[in-house]
N, C-alpha and C. Protein backbone atom coordinates (compact mmCIF):
# COMPACT_ATOMS: atom_id res chain seq x y z
N MET A 1 121.76 45.21 183.63
CA MET A 1 120.51 44.51 184.04
C MET A 1 120.80 43.28 184.85
N GLY A 2 122.00 42.59 184.48
CA GLY A 2 122.37 41.38 185.20
C GLY A 2 122.61 41.68 186.68
N THR A 3 123.33 42.78 186.94
CA THR A 3 123.59 43.08 188.36
C THR A 3 122.29 43.47 189.09
N PHE A 4 121.46 44.24 188.45
CA PHE A 4 120.15 44.61 189.05
C PHE A 4 119.35 43.35 189.40
N ARG A 5 119.30 42.45 188.42
CA ARG A 5 118.57 41.20 188.65
C ARG A 5 119.19 40.42 189.82
N TYR A 6 120.50 40.36 189.83
CA TYR A 6 121.25 39.64 190.94
C TYR A 6 120.84 40.27 192.28
N ILE A 7 120.85 41.60 192.34
CA ILE A 7 120.46 42.25 193.63
C ILE A 7 119.04 41.94 194.09
N VAL A 8 118.13 41.97 193.09
CA VAL A 8 116.76 41.66 193.41
C VAL A 8 116.59 40.18 193.87
N ASP A 9 117.19 39.31 193.14
CA ASP A 9 117.08 37.91 193.47
C ASP A 9 117.73 37.51 194.81
N ASN A 10 118.71 38.34 195.23
CA ASN A 10 119.42 38.01 196.46
C ASN A 10 119.17 39.05 197.55
N TRP A 11 118.02 39.73 197.45
CA TRP A 11 117.76 40.79 198.44
C TRP A 11 117.55 40.30 199.80
N ASP A 12 117.08 39.05 199.93
CA ASP A 12 116.90 38.44 201.26
C ASP A 12 118.22 38.43 202.04
N THR A 13 119.32 38.27 201.29
CA THR A 13 120.68 38.32 201.96
C THR A 13 121.21 39.75 201.95
N LEU A 14 121.11 40.44 200.82
CA LEU A 14 121.67 41.79 200.72
C LEU A 14 120.96 42.87 201.63
N GLY A 15 119.64 42.68 201.80
CA GLY A 15 118.92 43.63 202.60
C GLY A 15 119.50 43.77 204.01
N PRO A 16 119.63 42.65 204.76
CA PRO A 16 120.26 42.74 206.12
C PRO A 16 121.68 43.23 206.10
N GLN A 17 122.37 42.97 204.99
CA GLN A 17 123.76 43.41 204.89
C GLN A 17 123.78 44.99 204.72
N VAL A 18 122.88 45.51 203.98
CA VAL A 18 122.74 46.94 203.84
C VAL A 18 122.40 47.59 205.18
N ALA A 19 121.42 46.91 205.91
CA ALA A 19 121.06 47.49 207.19
C ALA A 19 122.21 47.44 208.18
N THR A 20 122.98 46.37 208.18
CA THR A 20 124.16 46.27 209.03
C THR A 20 125.20 47.27 208.70
N HIS A 21 125.45 47.51 207.39
CA HIS A 21 126.46 48.47 206.96
C HIS A 21 126.01 49.87 207.43
N LEU A 22 124.76 50.21 207.29
CA LEU A 22 124.23 51.54 207.75
C LEU A 22 124.40 51.67 209.25
N LEU A 23 124.08 50.57 209.97
CA LEU A 23 124.23 50.64 211.45
C LEU A 23 125.62 50.92 211.86
N ILE A 24 126.56 50.15 211.28
CA ILE A 24 127.99 50.23 211.59
C ILE A 24 128.48 51.64 211.31
N VAL A 25 128.16 52.16 210.12
CA VAL A 25 128.63 53.51 209.76
C VAL A 25 127.97 54.56 210.63
N GLY A 26 126.63 54.38 210.89
CA GLY A 26 125.94 55.38 211.72
C GLY A 26 126.53 55.54 213.10
N ILE A 27 126.75 54.41 213.77
CA ILE A 27 127.36 54.46 215.06
C ILE A 27 128.75 55.07 215.06
N SER A 28 129.49 54.63 214.12
CA SER A 28 130.94 55.08 214.01
C SER A 28 130.95 56.60 213.82
N VAL A 29 130.15 57.07 212.91
CA VAL A 29 130.16 58.50 212.63
C VAL A 29 129.67 59.27 213.80
N ALA A 30 128.63 58.82 214.51
CA ALA A 30 128.04 59.55 215.66
C ALA A 30 129.16 59.65 216.78
N VAL A 31 129.78 58.54 217.07
CA VAL A 31 130.77 58.52 218.21
C VAL A 31 132.01 59.35 217.77
N ALA A 32 132.50 59.21 216.55
CA ALA A 32 133.63 59.93 216.02
C ALA A 32 133.42 61.42 216.02
N ALA A 33 132.13 61.82 215.71
CA ALA A 33 131.76 63.24 215.63
C ALA A 33 131.86 63.86 217.06
N VAL A 34 131.36 63.13 218.09
CA VAL A 34 131.42 63.68 219.41
C VAL A 34 132.91 63.68 220.01
N ALA A 35 133.59 62.60 219.76
CA ALA A 35 134.99 62.50 220.23
C ALA A 35 135.86 63.47 219.48
N GLY A 36 135.72 63.56 218.15
CA GLY A 36 136.54 64.43 217.36
C GLY A 36 136.31 65.89 217.67
N LEU A 37 135.02 66.24 218.00
CA LEU A 37 134.73 67.58 218.41
C LEU A 37 135.46 67.95 219.72
N ALA A 38 135.39 67.06 220.66
CA ALA A 38 136.02 67.27 221.91
C ALA A 38 137.58 67.40 221.75
N PHE A 39 138.14 66.46 221.02
CA PHE A 39 139.55 66.51 220.75
C PHE A 39 139.96 67.79 220.05
N GLY A 40 139.16 68.20 219.11
CA GLY A 40 139.45 69.37 218.38
C GLY A 40 139.41 70.66 219.18
N ILE A 41 138.42 70.70 220.07
CA ILE A 41 138.36 71.84 221.02
C ILE A 41 139.59 71.95 221.92
N VAL A 42 139.93 70.82 222.50
CA VAL A 42 141.10 70.78 223.37
C VAL A 42 142.35 71.10 222.57
N SER A 43 142.46 70.57 221.33
CA SER A 43 143.65 70.86 220.51
C SER A 43 143.75 72.33 220.13
N ALA A 44 142.60 73.00 219.99
CA ALA A 44 142.62 74.45 219.62
C ALA A 44 143.05 75.24 220.81
N ARG A 45 142.83 74.76 222.01
CA ARG A 45 143.11 75.55 223.26
C ARG A 45 144.58 75.40 223.61
N SER A 46 145.18 74.24 223.27
CA SER A 46 146.62 73.98 223.71
C SER A 46 147.39 73.48 222.45
N GLU A 47 148.36 74.20 222.08
CA GLU A 47 149.23 73.81 220.94
C GLU A 47 149.95 72.51 221.19
N ARG A 48 150.41 72.30 222.47
CA ARG A 48 151.12 71.09 222.80
C ARG A 48 150.24 69.90 222.73
N ILE A 49 149.03 70.01 223.34
CA ILE A 49 148.11 68.87 223.26
C ILE A 49 147.69 68.65 221.78
N GLY A 50 147.45 69.71 221.07
CA GLY A 50 147.00 69.62 219.67
C GLY A 50 148.00 68.81 218.85
N THR A 51 149.29 69.15 219.01
CA THR A 51 150.30 68.39 218.31
C THR A 51 150.34 66.90 218.59
N VAL A 52 150.15 66.55 219.86
CA VAL A 52 150.07 65.10 220.24
C VAL A 52 148.86 64.45 219.64
N VAL A 53 147.72 65.12 219.85
CA VAL A 53 146.41 64.54 219.32
C VAL A 53 146.43 64.32 217.84
N LEU A 54 146.97 65.28 217.10
CA LEU A 54 146.98 65.15 215.65
C LEU A 54 148.03 64.14 215.23
N ALA A 55 149.11 64.02 215.98
CA ALA A 55 150.15 63.04 215.64
C ALA A 55 149.55 61.59 215.84
N VAL A 56 148.77 61.43 216.97
CA VAL A 56 148.27 60.09 217.24
C VAL A 56 147.22 59.74 216.17
N THR A 57 146.27 60.68 215.93
CA THR A 57 145.19 60.36 214.97
C THR A 57 145.71 60.21 213.57
N SER A 58 146.76 60.97 213.22
CA SER A 58 147.43 60.75 211.91
C SER A 58 148.03 59.41 211.76
N THR A 59 148.65 58.93 212.82
CA THR A 59 149.23 57.62 212.83
C THR A 59 148.21 56.50 212.67
N LEU A 60 147.11 56.66 213.39
CA LEU A 60 146.04 55.66 213.32
C LEU A 60 145.49 55.43 211.96
N ILE A 61 145.37 56.54 211.21
CA ILE A 61 144.76 56.44 209.89
C ILE A 61 145.69 55.78 208.85
N THR A 62 146.96 55.64 209.22
CA THR A 62 147.96 54.97 208.27
C THR A 62 147.99 53.47 208.53
N ILE A 63 147.28 52.96 209.54
CA ILE A 63 147.31 51.52 209.74
C ILE A 63 146.34 50.81 208.81
N PRO A 64 146.81 49.83 208.07
CA PRO A 64 145.90 49.15 207.10
C PRO A 64 144.67 48.61 207.84
N SER A 65 143.50 48.87 207.23
CA SER A 65 142.20 48.45 207.84
C SER A 65 142.20 46.98 208.21
N PHE A 66 142.70 46.14 207.25
CA PHE A 66 142.72 44.67 207.53
C PHE A 66 143.50 44.40 208.83
N ALA A 67 144.58 45.00 209.01
CA ALA A 67 145.48 44.79 210.19
C ALA A 67 144.78 45.31 211.40
N LEU A 68 144.20 46.50 211.37
CA LEU A 68 143.57 47.15 212.54
C LEU A 68 142.35 46.32 212.95
N PHE A 69 141.50 45.96 212.00
CA PHE A 69 140.30 45.15 212.34
C PHE A 69 140.71 43.82 212.95
N GLY A 70 141.77 43.23 212.36
CA GLY A 70 142.23 41.93 212.86
C GLY A 70 142.79 42.02 214.27
N LEU A 71 143.52 43.06 214.55
CA LEU A 71 144.03 43.25 215.90
C LEU A 71 142.96 43.53 216.87
N LEU A 72 141.98 44.35 216.57
CA LEU A 72 140.87 44.61 217.43
C LEU A 72 140.00 43.39 217.66
N SER A 73 139.89 42.58 216.65
CA SER A 73 139.06 41.38 216.83
C SER A 73 139.65 40.39 217.87
N ILE A 74 140.92 40.47 218.09
CA ILE A 74 141.59 39.67 219.11
C ILE A 74 141.17 40.11 220.48
N TRP A 75 140.96 41.45 220.63
CA TRP A 75 140.64 42.03 221.89
C TRP A 75 139.15 42.03 222.23
N VAL A 76 138.31 42.31 221.23
CA VAL A 76 136.89 42.47 221.45
C VAL A 76 136.04 41.43 220.74
N GLY A 77 136.62 40.46 219.99
CA GLY A 77 135.84 39.49 219.34
C GLY A 77 135.56 39.85 217.89
N LEU A 78 134.84 38.91 217.27
CA LEU A 78 134.55 39.10 215.84
C LEU A 78 133.24 39.87 215.61
N ALA A 79 132.83 39.99 214.38
CA ALA A 79 131.56 40.64 213.93
C ALA A 79 131.73 42.19 214.02
N ASN A 80 130.68 42.83 214.46
CA ASN A 80 130.55 44.33 214.39
C ASN A 80 131.50 45.10 215.35
N PRO A 81 131.65 44.73 216.58
CA PRO A 81 132.46 45.62 217.49
C PRO A 81 133.81 45.98 217.01
N PRO A 82 134.70 45.08 216.54
CA PRO A 82 135.97 45.58 216.09
C PRO A 82 135.92 46.52 214.87
N VAL A 83 134.95 46.31 214.04
CA VAL A 83 134.77 47.20 212.89
C VAL A 83 134.35 48.62 213.34
N ILE A 84 133.43 48.71 214.27
CA ILE A 84 132.91 49.99 214.72
C ILE A 84 134.05 50.75 215.41
N ILE A 85 134.82 50.04 216.28
CA ILE A 85 135.93 50.73 217.00
C ILE A 85 136.93 51.18 215.98
N GLY A 86 137.29 50.34 214.98
CA GLY A 86 138.30 50.71 213.98
C GLY A 86 137.90 51.91 213.14
N LEU A 87 136.60 51.93 212.74
CA LEU A 87 136.07 53.03 211.98
C LEU A 87 136.09 54.39 212.77
N ILE A 88 135.74 54.24 214.03
CA ILE A 88 135.82 55.49 214.90
C ILE A 88 137.24 56.04 214.92
N LEU A 89 138.23 55.14 215.06
CA LEU A 89 139.61 55.58 215.08
C LEU A 89 139.98 56.21 213.75
N TYR A 90 139.56 55.62 212.65
CA TYR A 90 139.83 56.22 211.39
C TYR A 90 139.21 57.64 211.19
N ALA A 91 137.95 57.76 211.70
CA ALA A 91 137.21 59.02 211.44
C ALA A 91 137.69 60.14 212.38
N LEU A 92 138.49 59.87 213.39
CA LEU A 92 138.87 60.90 214.32
C LEU A 92 139.70 62.02 213.72
N LEU A 93 140.63 61.63 212.79
CA LEU A 93 141.53 62.65 212.27
C LEU A 93 140.80 63.76 211.53
N PRO A 94 140.02 63.51 210.52
CA PRO A 94 139.37 64.60 209.83
C PRO A 94 138.46 65.47 210.68
N VAL A 95 137.76 64.87 211.63
CA VAL A 95 136.87 65.61 212.45
C VAL A 95 137.65 66.47 213.47
N THR A 96 138.61 65.86 214.07
CA THR A 96 139.50 66.56 215.01
C THR A 96 140.24 67.74 214.36
N ARG A 97 140.89 67.39 213.21
CA ARG A 97 141.65 68.39 212.50
C ARG A 97 140.79 69.59 212.06
N ASN A 98 139.61 69.27 211.47
CA ASN A 98 138.79 70.38 211.06
C ASN A 98 138.16 71.23 212.17
N THR A 99 137.84 70.54 213.29
CA THR A 99 137.33 71.25 214.44
C THR A 99 138.39 72.24 214.96
N ARG A 100 139.61 71.77 215.09
CA ARG A 100 140.67 72.65 215.51
C ARG A 100 140.93 73.77 214.51
N ALA A 101 140.95 73.49 213.25
CA ALA A 101 141.16 74.49 212.20
C ALA A 101 140.04 75.50 212.20
N GLY A 102 138.79 75.06 212.32
CA GLY A 102 137.65 75.90 212.27
C GLY A 102 137.69 76.95 213.46
N ILE A 103 138.01 76.45 214.66
CA ILE A 103 138.02 77.27 215.85
C ILE A 103 139.16 78.33 215.72
N LEU A 104 140.34 77.83 215.28
CA LEU A 104 141.48 78.74 215.14
C LEU A 104 141.31 79.78 214.02
N ALA A 105 140.44 79.49 213.12
CA ALA A 105 140.21 80.42 211.96
C ALA A 105 139.23 81.58 212.31
N VAL A 106 138.56 81.44 213.48
CA VAL A 106 137.63 82.53 213.86
C VAL A 106 138.40 83.80 214.13
N ASP A 107 137.87 84.86 213.60
CA ASP A 107 138.49 86.17 213.69
C ASP A 107 138.69 86.57 215.18
N PRO A 108 139.93 86.79 215.61
CA PRO A 108 140.15 87.21 217.04
C PRO A 108 139.34 88.39 217.45
N ALA A 109 139.13 89.34 216.53
CA ALA A 109 138.32 90.50 216.85
C ALA A 109 136.88 90.14 217.24
N VAL A 110 136.34 89.10 216.59
CA VAL A 110 135.00 88.69 216.93
C VAL A 110 134.99 88.02 218.36
N VAL A 111 135.99 87.30 218.62
CA VAL A 111 136.11 86.69 220.03
C VAL A 111 136.27 87.81 221.02
N GLU A 112 137.08 88.72 220.77
CA GLU A 112 137.26 89.88 221.75
C GLU A 112 135.94 90.65 221.94
N ALA A 113 135.22 90.84 220.81
CA ALA A 113 133.91 91.51 220.96
C ALA A 113 132.95 90.73 221.82
N ALA A 114 132.94 89.46 221.68
CA ALA A 114 132.10 88.62 222.52
C ALA A 114 132.47 88.71 223.99
N ARG A 115 133.75 88.74 224.27
CA ARG A 115 134.27 88.84 225.58
C ARG A 115 133.88 90.22 226.17
N GLY A 116 133.98 91.24 225.32
CA GLY A 116 133.60 92.56 225.75
C GLY A 116 132.15 92.68 226.11
N MET A 117 131.31 91.79 225.57
CA MET A 117 129.87 91.80 225.88
C MET A 117 129.58 91.05 227.19
N GLY A 118 130.67 90.56 227.77
CA GLY A 118 130.50 89.82 229.07
C GLY A 118 130.47 88.35 229.04
N MET A 119 130.65 87.76 227.84
CA MET A 119 130.68 86.29 227.71
C MET A 119 131.88 85.71 228.35
N ASN A 120 131.68 84.56 229.06
CA ASN A 120 132.86 83.88 229.55
C ASN A 120 133.43 82.93 228.47
N ARG A 121 134.46 82.17 228.82
CA ARG A 121 135.12 81.34 227.81
C ARG A 121 134.13 80.31 227.24
N THR A 122 133.41 79.71 228.07
CA THR A 122 132.46 78.64 227.62
C THR A 122 131.39 79.22 226.69
N GLN A 123 130.91 80.34 227.09
CA GLN A 123 129.89 81.08 226.26
C GLN A 123 130.45 81.42 224.93
N VAL A 124 131.68 81.94 224.89
CA VAL A 124 132.31 82.32 223.62
C VAL A 124 132.45 81.14 222.67
N LEU A 125 132.83 80.02 223.30
CA LEU A 125 132.97 78.76 222.53
C LEU A 125 131.63 78.31 221.94
N ALA A 126 130.59 78.29 222.82
CA ALA A 126 129.29 77.76 222.40
C ALA A 126 128.51 78.66 221.47
N ARG A 127 128.67 79.98 221.70
CA ARG A 127 127.80 80.97 221.01
C ARG A 127 128.51 81.64 219.79
N VAL A 128 129.85 81.58 219.80
CA VAL A 128 130.57 82.23 218.72
C VAL A 128 131.48 81.35 217.93
N GLU A 129 132.42 80.75 218.62
CA GLU A 129 133.46 79.97 217.90
C GLU A 129 132.93 78.71 217.24
N LEU A 130 132.20 77.91 217.95
CA LEU A 130 131.64 76.71 217.33
C LEU A 130 130.63 77.01 216.21
N PRO A 131 129.67 77.94 216.38
CA PRO A 131 128.82 78.28 215.30
C PRO A 131 129.50 78.71 214.03
N LEU A 132 130.59 79.50 214.18
CA LEU A 132 131.38 79.97 213.04
C LEU A 132 132.20 78.89 212.43
N ALA A 133 132.59 77.87 213.28
CA ALA A 133 133.46 76.80 212.79
C ALA A 133 132.64 75.66 212.21
N VAL A 134 131.34 75.61 212.43
CA VAL A 134 130.50 74.47 212.03
C VAL A 134 130.69 74.05 210.55
N PRO A 135 130.75 74.99 209.57
CA PRO A 135 130.93 74.59 208.20
C PRO A 135 132.20 73.81 207.97
N VAL A 136 133.27 74.28 208.67
CA VAL A 136 134.51 73.61 208.53
C VAL A 136 134.52 72.23 209.19
N ILE A 137 133.86 72.18 210.33
CA ILE A 137 133.68 70.88 211.02
C ILE A 137 132.94 69.90 210.25
N LEU A 138 131.87 70.35 209.58
CA LEU A 138 131.05 69.48 208.73
C LEU A 138 131.82 69.00 207.49
N ALA A 139 132.75 69.83 207.03
CA ALA A 139 133.62 69.38 205.89
C ALA A 139 134.41 68.18 206.32
N GLY A 140 134.96 68.23 207.54
CA GLY A 140 135.68 67.13 208.08
C GLY A 140 134.80 65.91 208.28
N LEU A 141 133.58 66.13 208.79
CA LEU A 141 132.67 65.03 208.99
C LEU A 141 132.28 64.38 207.70
N ARG A 142 132.14 65.17 206.62
CA ARG A 142 131.79 64.61 205.31
C ARG A 142 132.89 63.76 204.85
N GLN A 143 134.15 64.17 205.01
CA GLN A 143 135.27 63.39 204.55
C GLN A 143 135.35 62.10 205.34
N ALA A 144 135.17 62.16 206.63
CA ALA A 144 135.21 60.98 207.49
C ALA A 144 134.14 59.95 207.12
N THR A 145 132.92 60.46 206.87
CA THR A 145 131.82 59.61 206.56
C THR A 145 131.96 58.86 205.23
N VAL A 146 132.34 59.58 204.22
CA VAL A 146 132.57 58.90 202.90
C VAL A 146 133.68 57.87 203.04
N MET A 147 134.69 58.21 203.78
CA MET A 147 135.80 57.32 203.95
C MET A 147 135.44 56.03 204.65
N ILE A 148 134.71 56.11 205.73
CA ILE A 148 134.38 54.91 206.52
C ILE A 148 133.28 54.10 205.89
N VAL A 149 132.43 54.77 205.06
CA VAL A 149 131.46 53.97 204.28
C VAL A 149 132.18 52.92 203.45
N ALA A 150 133.26 53.30 202.84
CA ALA A 150 134.01 52.39 201.98
C ALA A 150 134.87 51.40 202.80
N ILE A 151 135.57 51.94 203.84
CA ILE A 151 136.39 51.07 204.64
C ILE A 151 135.60 50.00 205.36
N ALA A 152 134.36 50.30 205.70
CA ALA A 152 133.54 49.34 206.46
C ALA A 152 133.40 47.97 205.69
N THR A 153 133.55 47.99 204.42
CA THR A 153 133.45 46.70 203.64
C THR A 153 134.50 45.68 204.08
N VAL A 154 135.65 46.23 204.56
CA VAL A 154 136.74 45.35 205.02
C VAL A 154 136.33 44.61 206.30
N GLY A 155 135.34 45.11 206.93
CA GLY A 155 134.86 44.39 208.17
C GLY A 155 134.35 43.01 207.93
N ALA A 156 134.02 42.68 206.66
CA ALA A 156 133.60 41.34 206.35
C ALA A 156 134.65 40.33 206.65
N THR A 157 135.94 40.79 206.63
CA THR A 157 137.03 39.82 206.93
C THR A 157 137.11 39.38 208.32
N VAL A 158 136.46 40.16 209.28
CA VAL A 158 136.40 39.74 210.70
C VAL A 158 135.01 39.35 211.13
N GLY A 159 134.09 39.11 210.14
CA GLY A 159 132.81 38.54 210.46
C GLY A 159 131.69 39.49 210.44
N ALA A 160 131.86 40.70 210.12
CA ALA A 160 130.73 41.64 210.05
C ALA A 160 129.87 41.34 208.85
N ASN A 161 128.59 41.21 209.06
CA ASN A 161 127.66 40.87 207.99
C ASN A 161 127.22 42.13 207.21
N ASP A 162 128.21 42.87 206.65
CA ASP A 162 127.86 44.08 205.98
C ASP A 162 128.07 43.92 204.47
N LEU A 163 128.16 45.00 203.73
CA LEU A 163 128.23 44.90 202.26
C LEU A 163 129.62 44.44 201.78
N GLY A 164 130.52 44.21 202.72
CA GLY A 164 131.77 43.56 202.26
C GLY A 164 131.56 42.09 202.00
N GLN A 165 130.55 41.45 202.58
CA GLN A 165 130.27 40.06 202.47
C GLN A 165 130.09 39.60 201.01
N PRO A 166 129.23 40.17 200.17
CA PRO A 166 129.11 39.69 198.83
C PRO A 166 130.36 39.87 198.05
N ILE A 167 131.13 40.91 198.30
CA ILE A 167 132.45 41.12 197.64
C ILE A 167 133.41 40.03 198.02
N LEU A 168 133.52 39.80 199.36
CA LEU A 168 134.41 38.79 199.87
C LEU A 168 134.07 37.38 199.34
N SER A 169 132.73 37.02 199.39
CA SER A 169 132.30 35.80 198.97
C SER A 169 132.57 35.56 197.46
N ALA A 170 132.36 36.58 196.66
CA ALA A 170 132.61 36.43 195.24
C ALA A 170 134.08 36.26 194.89
N ILE A 171 134.89 36.98 195.66
CA ILE A 171 136.39 36.83 195.41
C ILE A 171 136.93 35.58 195.96
N GLY A 172 136.30 35.09 197.05
CA GLY A 172 136.88 33.91 197.74
C GLY A 172 136.42 32.53 197.20
N ARG A 173 135.57 32.55 196.16
CA ARG A 173 135.20 31.30 195.61
C ARG A 173 135.31 31.30 194.12
N SER A 174 135.56 30.08 193.59
CA SER A 174 135.83 29.99 192.12
C SER A 174 134.56 30.39 191.29
N GLY A 175 133.43 30.25 191.81
CA GLY A 175 132.20 30.54 191.09
C GLY A 175 131.71 31.92 191.20
N GLY A 176 132.53 32.84 191.83
CA GLY A 176 132.15 34.18 192.02
C GLY A 176 131.99 34.93 190.75
N THR A 177 131.03 35.87 190.68
CA THR A 177 130.72 36.60 189.48
C THR A 177 130.88 38.11 189.72
N ILE A 178 131.04 38.82 188.60
CA ILE A 178 131.17 40.29 188.69
C ILE A 178 129.90 40.89 189.23
N ASP A 179 128.76 40.21 189.02
CA ASP A 179 127.49 40.75 189.50
C ASP A 179 127.45 40.71 191.05
N ALA A 180 128.06 39.62 191.67
CA ALA A 180 128.12 39.53 193.09
C ALA A 180 129.02 40.63 193.67
N VAL A 181 130.08 40.92 193.00
CA VAL A 181 130.99 42.01 193.48
C VAL A 181 130.29 43.34 193.39
N LEU A 182 129.67 43.59 192.26
CA LEU A 182 128.94 44.87 192.06
C LEU A 182 127.71 45.03 193.04
N ALA A 183 127.20 43.89 193.47
CA ALA A 183 126.07 43.90 194.42
C ALA A 183 126.49 44.47 195.74
N GLY A 184 127.79 44.39 196.04
CA GLY A 184 128.36 45.00 197.21
C GLY A 184 128.83 46.44 196.92
N ILE A 185 129.48 46.67 195.80
CA ILE A 185 130.08 47.92 195.46
C ILE A 185 129.02 48.95 195.28
N ILE A 186 127.93 48.74 194.49
CA ILE A 186 126.96 49.71 194.14
C ILE A 186 126.24 50.26 195.33
N PRO A 187 125.74 49.46 196.24
CA PRO A 187 125.02 50.05 197.48
C PRO A 187 126.03 50.86 198.30
N VAL A 188 127.26 50.44 198.41
CA VAL A 188 128.27 51.20 199.15
C VAL A 188 128.44 52.59 198.53
N ALA A 189 128.56 52.64 197.20
CA ALA A 189 128.76 53.86 196.52
C ALA A 189 127.54 54.80 196.70
N LEU A 190 126.34 54.21 196.58
CA LEU A 190 125.14 54.99 196.76
C LEU A 190 124.96 55.55 198.18
N ILE A 191 125.33 54.75 199.18
CA ILE A 191 125.30 55.20 200.54
C ILE A 191 126.25 56.34 200.76
N GLY A 192 127.50 56.23 200.22
CA GLY A 192 128.47 57.26 200.31
C GLY A 192 128.03 58.58 199.65
N ILE A 193 127.47 58.47 198.45
CA ILE A 193 127.01 59.66 197.71
C ILE A 193 125.83 60.33 198.43
N LEU A 194 124.93 59.52 198.92
CA LEU A 194 123.74 60.05 199.65
C LEU A 194 124.18 60.77 200.95
N ALA A 195 125.06 60.17 201.69
CA ALA A 195 125.52 60.75 202.97
C ALA A 195 126.26 62.03 202.69
N ASP A 196 127.12 62.04 201.64
CA ASP A 196 127.86 63.27 201.30
C ASP A 196 126.93 64.37 200.89
N THR A 197 125.88 64.01 200.11
CA THR A 197 124.98 65.02 199.60
C THR A 197 124.21 65.64 200.73
N VAL A 198 123.75 64.81 201.63
CA VAL A 198 122.95 65.30 202.78
C VAL A 198 123.83 66.22 203.67
N LEU A 199 125.02 65.85 203.98
CA LEU A 199 125.88 66.62 204.81
C LEU A 199 126.37 67.90 204.07
N ALA A 200 126.51 67.81 202.76
CA ALA A 200 126.79 69.02 201.99
C ALA A 200 125.74 70.05 202.06
N GLY A 201 124.45 69.57 201.99
CA GLY A 201 123.32 70.44 202.09
C GLY A 201 123.26 71.14 203.49
N VAL A 202 123.52 70.31 204.52
CA VAL A 202 123.56 70.88 205.85
C VAL A 202 124.63 71.95 206.05
N GLN A 203 125.85 71.60 205.43
CA GLN A 203 126.99 72.48 205.48
C GLN A 203 126.64 73.86 204.79
N ARG A 204 126.05 73.76 203.62
CA ARG A 204 125.66 75.01 202.92
C ARG A 204 124.68 75.84 203.69
N SER A 205 123.72 75.14 204.31
CA SER A 205 122.64 75.82 205.03
C SER A 205 123.27 76.54 206.25
N LEU A 206 124.14 75.93 207.00
CA LEU A 206 124.75 76.46 208.13
C LEU A 206 125.72 77.57 207.78
N SER A 207 126.36 77.47 206.66
CA SER A 207 127.32 78.48 206.23
C SER A 207 126.65 79.83 206.06
N ARG A 208 125.35 79.85 205.64
CA ARG A 208 124.66 81.07 205.43
C ARG A 208 124.44 81.88 206.75
N GLY A 209 124.58 81.16 207.88
CA GLY A 209 124.36 81.82 209.16
C GLY A 209 125.62 82.39 209.77
N ARG A 210 126.77 82.20 209.10
CA ARG A 210 128.06 82.59 209.75
C ARG A 210 128.18 84.13 209.90
N VAL A 211 127.76 84.85 208.88
CA VAL A 211 127.82 86.34 208.95
C VAL A 211 126.91 86.84 210.03
N ALA A 212 125.73 86.22 210.13
CA ALA A 212 124.70 86.70 211.14
C ALA A 212 125.32 86.47 212.53
N VAL A 213 125.93 85.30 212.72
CA VAL A 213 126.49 85.02 214.06
C VAL A 213 127.57 85.93 214.37
N ALA A 214 128.44 86.23 213.44
CA ALA A 214 129.56 87.14 213.66
C ALA A 214 129.06 88.57 213.99
N ALA A 215 128.02 88.96 213.27
CA ALA A 215 127.46 90.33 213.49
C ALA A 215 126.88 90.40 214.86
N THR A 216 126.16 89.37 215.30
CA THR A 216 125.60 89.35 216.63
C THR A 216 126.63 89.44 217.73
N ALA A 217 127.74 88.67 217.54
CA ALA A 217 128.81 88.75 218.49
C ALA A 217 129.47 90.07 218.55
């Protein structure tokens, strides 16, 4: 009850922080989804390019968030921009990797059947390969989303007014309380759970159409 009371009493501050956190995560997920999809498609088409892309994105995700945000803040300034850019870079690997894996997992016989029906390469990708790969792609997007919801809290160290601020403020001062820390942690956890639940529902819904797509092709 103490934490709930703290959240209610400090909602004038926490409310905008929740909104900023959602904005940062939303922009990052949207851009990473588009970029990761493009990288994944290119990677599926060329083994050489795929090796390079996955190596680069795998390396990016190993960089400590504090260091990456700090480095980006030197180039683009403080507050939200370095955090958004950093989160996009972190989210690229799961989306790219799953897009590539999903496309490569499509039954070659289905692809050949689509080509036999007169589809060109672009049509096969748009009407057969991507629809069949969507559940796998969404699994990567779910992983990326939950991951960056949590990592975004580190953005408070470079001035982002998100849910990392109550945590950072509580840790950084002698009068900090566990309620202040939980006021940042609990909303982050709820956002992550909600986002994962919604994407899981979409993934299950689209998975039901895979057989129909394959049959049509």
